[in-house]
Amino acid sequence: MYTIVCDIVKDRMEKDFNEALRVLGLMVSSIKFENKLGLNVVLELSMNTEDENIKMNN
């Protein structure tokens, strides 16, 4: 049950972050949860080349 909830939260977070970062031309390539000093969320970002390809083709 725990992993299902984590997967749902992770998918939702990735979607929300991607929507917010799209304006900057970025996207989330990885989300990790760490339990060091409380719960930490580590985001790995990359350039969103899909949007650039769409703009160039139009």
C-alpha atoms as a PDB file:
ATOM      1  CA  MET A   1       0.000   0.000   0.000  1.00  0.00           C
ATOM      2  CA  TYR A   2       2.836   2.417   0.879  1.00  0.00           C
ATOM      3  CA  THR A   3       4.492   2.118  -2.536  1.00  0.00           C
ATOM      4  CA  ILE A   4       1.192   2.667  -4.355  1.00  0.00           C
ATOM      5  CA  VAL A   5       0.602   5.889  -2.434  1.00  0.00           C
ATOM      6  CA  CYS A   6       4.196   7.008  -3.076  1.00  0.00           C
ATOM      7  CA  ASP A   7       3.815   6.332  -6.803  1.00  0.00           C
ATOM      8  CA  ILE A   8       0.576   8.325  -6.939  1.00  0.00           C
ATOM      9  CA  VAL A   9       2.144  11.247  -5.065  1.00  0.00           C
ATOM     10  CA  LYS A  10       5.276  11.086  -7.206  1.00  0.00           C
ATOM     11  CA  ASP A  11       3.277  11.095 -10.456  1.00  0.00           C
ATOM     12  CA  ARG A  12       1.148  14.031  -9.287  1.00  0.00           C
ATOM     13  CA  MET A  13       4.188  16.014  -8.138  1.00  0.00           C
ATOM     14  CA  GLU A  14       5.962  15.407 -11.440  1.00  0.00           C
ATOM     15  CA  LYS A  15       2.905  16.591 -13.379  1.00  0.00           C
ATOM     16  CA  ASP A  16       2.532  19.739 -11.258  1.00  0.00           C
ATOM     17  CA  PHE A  17       6.238  20.595 -11.402  1.00  0.00           C
ATOM     18  CA  ASN A  18       6.359  20.042 -15.169  1.00  0.00           C
ATOM     19  CA  GLU A  19       3.417  22.402 -15.666  1.00  0.00           C
ATOM     20  CA  ALA A  20       5.145  25.088 -13.572  1.00  0.00           C
ATOM     21  CA  LEU A  21       8.599  24.577 -15.125  1.00  0.00           C
ATOM     22  CA  ARG A  22       7.360  24.519 -18.726  1.00  0.00           C
ATOM     23  CA  VAL A  23       7.487  28.335 -18.848  1.00  0.00           C
ATOM     24  CA  LEU A  24      11.218  28.166 -18.105  1.00  0.00           C
ATOM     25  CA  GLY A  25      11.831  25.454 -20.717  1.00  0.00           C
ATOM     26  CA  LEU A  26      12.555  22.812 -18.064  1.00  0.00           C
ATOM     27  CA  MET A  27      11.054  19.486 -17.054  1.00  0.00           C
ATOM     28  CA  VAL A  28      11.477  16.999 -14.227  1.00  0.00           C
ATOM     29  CA  SER A  29      13.607  14.039 -15.262  1.00  0.00           C
ATOM     30  CA  SER A  30      13.700  12.394 -11.829  1.00  0.00           C
ATOM     31  CA  ILE A  31      12.051  12.687  -8.413  1.00  0.00           C
ATOM     32  CA  LYS A  32      13.603  11.017  -5.377  1.00  0.00           C
ATOM     33  CA  PHE A  33      12.464  10.967  -1.775  1.00  0.00           C
ATOM     34  CA  GLU A  34      15.108  10.970   0.939  1.00  0.00           C
ATOM     35  CA  ASN A  35      14.535  10.529   4.641  1.00  0.00           C
ATOM     36  CA  LYS A  36      17.599  12.219   6.153  1.00  0.00           C
ATOM     37  CA  LEU A  37      16.583  15.252   8.213  1.00  0.00           C
ATOM     38  CA  GLY A  38      12.877  14.822   7.717  1.00  0.00           C
ATOM     39  CA  LEU A  39      11.433  14.148   4.296  1.00  0.00           C
ATOM     40  CA  ASN A  40      13.421  15.659   1.421  1.00  0.00           C
ATOM     41  CA  VAL A  41      12.286  15.745  -2.187  1.00  0.00           C
ATOM     42  CA  VAL A  42      15.140  15.789  -4.698  1.00  0.00           C
ATOM     43  CA  LEU A  43      14.286  16.956  -8.214  1.00  0.00           C
ATOM     44  CA  GLU A  44      16.493  16.373 -11.214  1.00  0.00           C
ATOM     45  CA  LEU A  45      15.691  18.818 -14.005  1.00  0.00           C
ATOM     46  CA  SER A  46      16.474  18.799 -17.684  1.00  0.00           C
ATOM     47  CA  MET A  47      15.730  21.026 -20.649  1.00  0.00           C
ATOM     48  CA  ASN A  48      12.342  20.493 -22.244  1.00  0.00           C
ATOM     49  CA  THR A  49      13.320  19.932 -25.866  1.00  0.00           C
ATOM     50  CA  GLU A  50       9.852  18.674 -26.826  1.00  0.00           C
ATOM     51  CA  ASP A  51       8.398  22.202 -26.644  1.00  0.00           C
ATOM     52  CA  GLU A  52      11.282  23.588 -28.732  1.00  0.00           C
ATOM     53  CA  ASN A  53      10.701  20.951 -31.423  1.00  0.00           C
ATOM     54  CA  ILE A  54       6.995  21.834 -31.546  1.00  0.00           C
ATOM     55  CA  LYS A  55       7.777  25.583 -31.851  1.00  0.00           C
ATOM     56  CA  MET A  56      10.286  24.971 -34.668  1.00  0.00           C
ATOM     57  CA  ASN A  57       7.855  22.822 -36.644  1.00  0.00           C
ATOM     58  CA  ASN A  58       5.067  25.446 -36.508  1.00  0.00           C
END
